[in-house]
Amino acid sequence: MQLIEGKPIGEKINQETKEKAENLKRHGVVPGLAVVLVGTDPASVSYVRSKDRVSQDLGFHSQKIELPEETSETDLLQIVKELNADSQIHGILVQSPLPKQIDESKVTLALDPAKDVDGFHPINVGKLAIGDPSGIVPCTPLGCQKLLLEVGANIVGSRVVILGRSMLVGKPLAFLLMAKGPGGDATVTVVHSRSRDLVEICSSAEILIAAMGQPGFVKKEHVREGAIVIDVGTTRVEDPTRKKGFRIAGDVDFDEVAPKTRAITPVPGGVGPMTIAMLMQNTLKACQQQTGLFV
């Protein structure tokens, strides 16, 4: 059993991104990323801090905008409009979740699709669906695909089962793995809360990807002997034995499932580090496409 650790793979991708950013700088262009945080949700604050730090480490122009919890939808949309028009900013990320007075879908639609480095704008989703490489692909699905490629998974023709049909992971990942070309050409089945015969379907998979948000849901009977398992789940579970009073749990019962697998991601430390690395890669891609510099 191989442990698929995201941190060293993410660091390798970040180094490649940094080198490309340095090449752009020689031509007078600095990739710019703006991250907008509304409120003080602890997980969101931590994510934004990490994204800001990594973008600076890679030599990007980094702009962090922190707004109070009571910020109105109108005010946030105005900030997005200003960032859309800012030539120094090539990528914009508005951190989720947003306070209840703000409609997230309106914010997503307000983003310039060319600067939508989360890849959630309908234009980017549509480009992914039709196989247009100019689209920005959501970071977590892209990270999952990169992990599979790094461990030498034979994706072409493989039976892949994805647990979860969200627009954050399940649906875009299915598009990615079905697409023609490197990292694609898989036979993909997406299952969800209303699917029948889950054990039978999951246990047929050569590659099983869990993205349901249900801690410990995937047991050994769901997993085929020798399968590759990617666990996208990150749920806070109360744990009085931990200093913080909680632990981060994946959707896979790791101890039970791992012995059956060829390779498996841990939680934390698997998919998580890849998401930020893909965000930086997306920002670089957005910068290249907006400036026409592919050096």
Protein backbone atom coordinates (compact mmCIF):
# COMPACT_ATOMS: atom_id res chain seq x y z
CA MET A 1 0.00 0.00 0.00
CA GLN A 2 1.34 3.39 -1.05
CA LEU A 3 0.46 6.53 0.89
CA ILE A 4 -0.31 9.36 -1.54
CA GLU A 5 0.94 12.45 0.27
CA GLY A 6 -0.11 15.76 -1.25
CA LYS A 7 2.48 18.01 0.37
CA PRO A 8 5.60 16.92 -1.59
CA ILE A 9 3.60 16.76 -4.84
CA GLY A 10 2.11 20.19 -4.16
CA GLU A 11 5.57 21.61 -3.40
CA LYS A 12 6.90 20.22 -6.70
CA ILE A 13 4.02 21.89 -8.60
CA ASN A 14 4.56 25.15 -6.70
CA GLN A 15 8.23 25.12 -7.70
CA GLU A 16 7.25 24.72 -11.36
CA THR A 17 4.75 27.59 -10.98
CA LYS A 18 7.40 29.78 -9.33
CA GLU A 19 9.86 29.19 -12.17
CA LYS A 20 7.22 30.12 -14.76
CA ALA A 21 6.29 33.22 -12.75
CA GLU A 22 9.95 34.26 -12.72
CA ASN A 23 10.04 33.90 -16.52
CA LEU A 24 7.00 36.16 -16.78
CA LYS A 25 8.69 38.75 -14.53
CA ARG A 26 11.58 38.94 -16.99
CA HIS A 27 8.99 40.17 -19.49
CA GLY A 28 7.59 42.73 -17.03
CA VAL A 29 4.54 40.73 -15.93
CA VAL A 30 3.79 39.70 -12.34
CA PRO A 31 0.88 37.26 -11.75
CA GLY A 32 -1.63 38.87 -9.40
CA LEU A 33 -4.03 37.10 -7.04
CA ALA A 34 -6.73 38.78 -4.94
CA VAL A 35 -8.34 36.80 -2.14
CA VAL A 36 -11.49 38.23 -0.56
CA LEU A 37 -12.60 37.12 2.92
CA VAL A 38 -15.93 38.15 4.42
CA GLY A 39 -16.27 37.49 8.16
CA THR A 40 -14.11 35.58 10.64
CA ASP A 41 -14.92 31.91 10.10
CA PRO A 42 -11.80 30.19 11.60
CA ALA A 43 -11.36 27.68 8.76
CA SER A 44 -11.77 30.41 6.13
CA VAL A 45 -9.30 32.70 7.92
CA SER A 46 -6.76 29.86 7.96
CA TYR A 47 -7.29 29.03 4.27
CA VAL A 48 -6.98 32.66 3.20
CA ARG A 49 -3.82 33.11 5.26
CA SER A 50 -2.29 30.03 3.59
CA LYS A 51 -3.27 31.16 0.09
CA ASP A 52 -1.87 34.63 0.69
CA ARG A 53 1.40 33.25 2.10
CA VAL A 54 1.95 30.76 -0.73
CA SER A 55 1.17 33.33 -3.43
CA GLN A 56 3.79 35.68 -1.92
CA ASP A 57 6.31 32.81 -1.67
CA LEU A 58 5.84 32.18 -5.40
CA GLY A 59 6.54 35.83 -6.18
CA PHE A 60 2.97 36.77 -7.09
CA HIS A 61 1.43 40.15 -6.48
CA SER A 62 -0.88 39.20 -3.61
CA GLN A 63 -3.84 41.22 -2.41
CA LYS A 64 -5.82 40.11 0.64
CA ILE A 65 -9.12 41.90 1.25
CA GLU A 66 -10.74 41.23 4.63
CA LEU A 67 -14.30 42.47 5.14
CA PRO A 68 -16.56 42.45 8.22
CA GLU A 69 -19.29 39.81 8.65
CA GLU A 70 -22.02 42.41 8.07
CA THR A 71 -20.71 43.42 4.61
CA SER A 72 -23.63 43.80 2.20
CA GLU A 73 -24.00 41.93 -1.06
CA THR A 74 -23.92 45.25 -2.92
CA ASP A 75 -20.60 46.24 -1.34
CA LEU A 76 -19.02 42.87 -2.10
CA LEU A 77 -20.21 42.98 -5.72
CA GLN A 78 -18.66 46.44 -6.06
CA ILE A 79 -15.31 45.10 -4.84
CA VAL A 80 -15.52 42.24 -7.33
CA LYS A 81 -16.27 44.76 -10.10
CA GLU A 82 -13.19 46.80 -9.14
CA LEU A 83 -10.97 43.71 -9.08
CA ASN A 84 -12.33 42.66 -12.50
CA ALA A 85 -11.11 46.01 -13.85
CA ASP A 86 -7.71 45.93 -12.09
CA SER A 87 -5.01 44.99 -14.63
CA GLN A 88 -2.61 43.97 -11.84
CA ILE A 89 -5.03 41.24 -10.70
CA HIS A 90 -5.25 38.15 -12.90
CA GLY A 91 -7.04 35.88 -10.44
CA ILE A 92 -9.87 36.54 -7.97
CA LEU A 93 -11.00 34.18 -5.23
CA VAL A 94 -13.93 34.99 -2.94
CA GLN A 95 -13.65 32.63 0.01
CA SER A 96 -16.65 30.44 0.83
CA PRO A 97 -18.82 30.20 2.82
CA LEU A 98 -20.22 33.72 2.65
CA PRO A 99 -22.53 35.24 5.30
CA LYS A 100 -26.25 34.52 4.84
CA GLN A 101 -27.08 38.00 3.51
CA ILE A 102 -24.90 37.36 0.41
CA ASP A 103 -25.99 35.15 -2.48
CA GLU A 104 -22.89 33.17 -3.48
CA SER A 105 -24.23 32.47 -6.97
CA LYS A 106 -24.54 36.22 -7.66
CA VAL A 107 -20.94 36.74 -6.59
CA THR A 108 -19.74 33.88 -8.82
CA LEU A 109 -21.66 35.30 -11.81
CA ALA A 110 -20.18 38.75 -11.16
CA LEU A 111 -16.60 37.47 -11.55
CA ASP A 112 -14.81 37.95 -14.84
CA PRO A 113 -14.61 34.29 -16.02
CA ALA A 114 -11.01 34.90 -17.13
CA LYS A 115 -10.11 35.78 -13.51
CA ASP A 116 -12.25 33.10 -11.84
CA VAL A 117 -9.38 30.97 -10.49
CA ASP A 118 -11.80 28.79 -8.51
CA GLY A 119 -13.30 27.67 -11.83
CA PHE A 120 -16.93 27.91 -10.68
CA HIS A 121 -18.27 30.48 -13.16
CA PRO A 122 -20.76 28.85 -15.58
CA ILE A 123 -18.54 29.76 -18.53
CA ASN A 124 -15.62 27.87 -17.02
CA VAL A 125 -17.86 24.92 -16.10
CA GLY A 126 -19.16 24.90 -19.68
CA LYS A 127 -15.64 24.98 -21.13
CA LEU A 128 -14.70 22.02 -18.94
CA ALA A 129 -17.78 20.11 -20.10
CA ILE A 130 -17.00 20.62 -23.80
CA GLY A 131 -13.25 20.10 -23.42
CA ASP A 132 -12.13 23.68 -24.08
CA PRO A 133 -8.61 23.93 -22.55
CA SER A 134 -8.84 27.72 -22.11
CA GLY A 135 -11.26 27.28 -19.21
CA ILE A 136 -10.19 27.43 -15.57
CA VAL A 137 -10.74 24.06 -13.86
CA PRO A 138 -11.84 23.90 -10.17
CA CYS A 139 -8.81 23.44 -7.91
CA THR A 140 -9.74 20.35 -5.88
CA PRO A 141 -10.78 18.16 -8.86
CA LEU A 142 -7.63 19.24 -10.70
CA GLY A 143 -5.59 18.31 -7.62
CA CYS A 144 -7.21 14.86 -7.51
CA GLN A 145 -6.31 14.26 -11.15
CA LYS A 146 -2.70 15.35 -10.54
CA LEU A 147 -2.39 12.96 -7.59
CA LEU A 148 -3.57 10.07 -9.75
CA LEU A 149 -1.06 10.95 -12.46
CA GLU A 150 1.76 11.28 -9.92
CA VAL A 151 1.22 7.76 -8.56
CA GLY A 152 1.15 6.32 -12.06
CA ALA A 153 -2.54 5.45 -12.12
CA ASN A 154 -3.59 4.05 -15.46
CA ILE A 155 -6.60 6.32 -15.90
CA VAL A 156 -7.23 5.44 -19.55
CA GLY A 157 -10.12 2.99 -19.72
CA SER A 158 -10.19 2.53 -15.94
CA ARG A 159 -13.42 2.16 -14.01
CA VAL A 160 -13.66 5.23 -11.80
CA VAL A 161 -16.38 5.72 -9.20
CA ILE A 162 -16.90 9.16 -7.65
CA LEU A 163 -18.96 9.36 -4.46
CA GLY A 164 -20.62 12.77 -4.52
CA ARG A 165 -22.14 14.95 -7.25
CA SER A 166 -21.39 18.47 -6.01
CA MET A 167 -20.27 21.25 -8.34
CA LEU A 168 -17.24 21.69 -6.05
CA VAL A 169 -15.77 18.24 -6.71
CA GLY A 170 -17.92 15.40 -8.08
CA LYS A 171 -19.28 16.82 -11.35
CA PRO A 172 -16.16 18.71 -12.50
CA LEU A 173 -13.95 15.74 -11.59
CA ALA A 174 -16.15 13.45 -13.68
CA PHE A 175 -15.73 15.81 -16.67
CA LEU A 176 -11.96 15.89 -16.13
CA LEU A 177 -11.51 12.13 -15.96
CA MET A 178 -13.83 11.49 -18.92
CA ALA A 179 -12.11 14.05 -21.17
CA LYS A 180 -10.04 12.87 -24.12
CA GLY A 181 -6.28 12.95 -23.63
CA PRO A 182 -3.73 12.72 -20.78
CA GLY A 183 -5.36 12.29 -17.38
CA GLY A 184 -8.69 11.34 -18.95
CA ASP A 185 -10.39 8.67 -21.05
CA ALA A 186 -11.74 6.91 -17.95
CA THR A 187 -15.10 5.17 -17.61
CA VAL A 188 -16.71 7.25 -14.87
CA THR A 189 -19.70 6.51 -12.63
CA VAL A 190 -20.97 9.18 -10.22
CA VAL A 191 -22.96 7.93 -7.23
CA HIS A 192 -24.81 9.93 -4.60
CA SER A 193 -27.24 9.72 -1.67
CA ARG A 194 -30.04 8.28 -3.83
CA SER A 195 -27.94 5.70 -5.66
CA ARG A 196 -28.86 2.05 -5.20
CA ASP A 197 -26.38 -0.82 -4.79
CA LEU A 198 -23.58 1.46 -3.56
CA VAL A 199 -21.38 -1.36 -2.30
CA GLU A 200 -21.65 -3.22 -5.59
CA ILE A 201 -20.89 -0.13 -7.69
CA CYS A 202 -18.04 1.14 -5.51
CA SER A 203 -16.35 -2.23 -5.20
CA SER A 204 -16.14 -2.46 -9.00
CA ALA A 205 -13.92 0.63 -9.15
CA GLU A 206 -10.24 0.54 -9.97
CA ILE A 207 -10.14 4.16 -8.78
CA LEU A 208 -12.51 5.25 -6.00
CA ILE A 209 -12.87 8.93 -5.13
CA ALA A 210 -14.85 9.90 -2.02
CA ALA A 211 -16.23 13.46 -1.91
CA MET A 212 -19.44 13.22 0.12
CA GLY A 213 -18.65 15.01 3.36
CA GLN A 214 -19.66 11.99 5.46
CA PRO A 215 -16.84 11.00 7.82
CA GLY A 216 -15.83 7.35 7.68
CA PHE A 217 -18.58 6.40 5.22
CA VAL A 218 -16.39 4.27 2.93
CA LYS A 219 -15.68 0.87 4.50
CA LYS A 220 -13.64 -2.09 3.27
CA GLU A 221 -16.65 -3.65 1.55
CA HIS A 222 -16.86 -0.58 -0.71
CA VAL A 223 -13.31 -1.07 -1.96
CA ARG A 224 -11.95 -3.46 -4.55
CA GLU A 225 -8.69 -5.24 -3.72
CA GLY A 226 -5.81 -3.21 -5.18
CA ALA A 227 -7.87 -0.08 -5.88
CA ILE A 228 -6.54 3.47 -5.70
CA VAL A 229 -8.55 5.55 -3.22
CA ILE A 230 -8.64 9.36 -3.16
CA ASP A 231 -10.34 10.81 -0.07
CA VAL A 232 -11.52 14.40 -0.56
CA GLY A 233 -13.49 14.57 2.70
CA THR A 234 -12.49 17.10 5.37
CA THR A 235 -15.02 17.19 8.19
CA ARG A 236 -14.39 18.47 11.71
CA VAL A 237 -15.23 15.73 14.20
CA GLU A 238 -15.32 16.29 17.95
CA ASP A 239 -12.36 14.63 19.64
CA PRO A 240 -11.75 15.44 23.33
CA THR A 241 -8.34 13.73 23.14
CA ARG A 242 -7.07 16.47 20.84
CA LYS A 243 -5.82 19.83 22.09
CA LYS A 244 -8.23 21.73 19.82
CA GLY A 245 -11.13 19.45 20.76
CA PHE A 246 -11.61 18.16 17.22
CA ARG A 247 -9.89 16.30 14.40
CA ILE A 248 -10.23 16.43 10.63
CA ALA A 249 -11.83 13.25 9.30
CA GLY A 250 -12.08 11.99 5.74
CA ASP A 251 -14.96 10.17 4.05
CA VAL A 252 -12.93 6.94 4.11
CA ASP A 253 -12.41 4.75 7.17
CA PHE A 254 -8.66 4.81 6.60
CA ASP A 255 -7.58 2.09 9.04
CA GLU A 256 -10.15 -0.35 7.68
CA VAL A 257 -9.73 0.45 3.99
CA ALA A 258 -5.99 1.12 3.56
CA PRO A 259 -4.82 -2.54 3.72
CA LYS A 260 -6.98 -3.39 0.66
CA THR A 261 -5.65 -0.58 -1.51
CA ARG A 262 -2.78 -0.18 -3.93
CA ALA A 263 -2.57 3.49 -2.93
CA ILE A 264 -4.60 5.85 -0.72
CA THR A 265 -4.56 9.50 0.38
CA PRO A 266 -4.43 10.37 4.08
CA VAL A 267 -6.67 13.01 5.69
CA PRO A 268 -5.30 15.51 6.39
CA GLY A 269 -2.26 15.74 4.13
CA GLY A 270 -3.60 14.19 0.92
CA VAL A 271 -5.83 16.29 -1.34
CA GLY A 272 -5.70 19.44 0.83
CA PRO A 273 -2.18 20.68 -0.10
CA MET A 274 -2.99 20.08 -3.75
CA THR A 275 -5.92 22.50 -3.75
CA ILE A 276 -3.72 25.51 -2.97
CA ALA A 277 -1.06 24.37 -5.46
CA MET A 278 -3.74 24.16 -8.17
CA LEU A 279 -5.05 27.61 -7.22
CA MET A 280 -1.58 29.03 -7.84
CA GLN A 281 -1.29 27.13 -11.12
CA ASN A 282 -4.70 28.49 -12.16
CA THR A 283 -3.60 32.04 -11.33
CA LEU A 284 -0.50 31.62 -13.48
CA LYS A 285 -2.62 30.23 -16.34
CA ALA A 286 -5.06 33.14 -16.02
CA CYS A 287 -2.15 35.60 -16.13
CA GLN A 288 -0.68 33.94 -19.21
CA GLN A 289 -4.01 33.94 -21.04
CA GLN A 290 -4.79 37.56 -20.17
CA THR A 291 -1.37 38.86 -21.18
CA GLY A 292 -0.72 36.47 -24.09
CA LEU A 293 2.69 35.61 -22.59
CA PHE A 294 3.39 31.87 -22.51
CA VAL A 295 7.07 31.82 -21.55
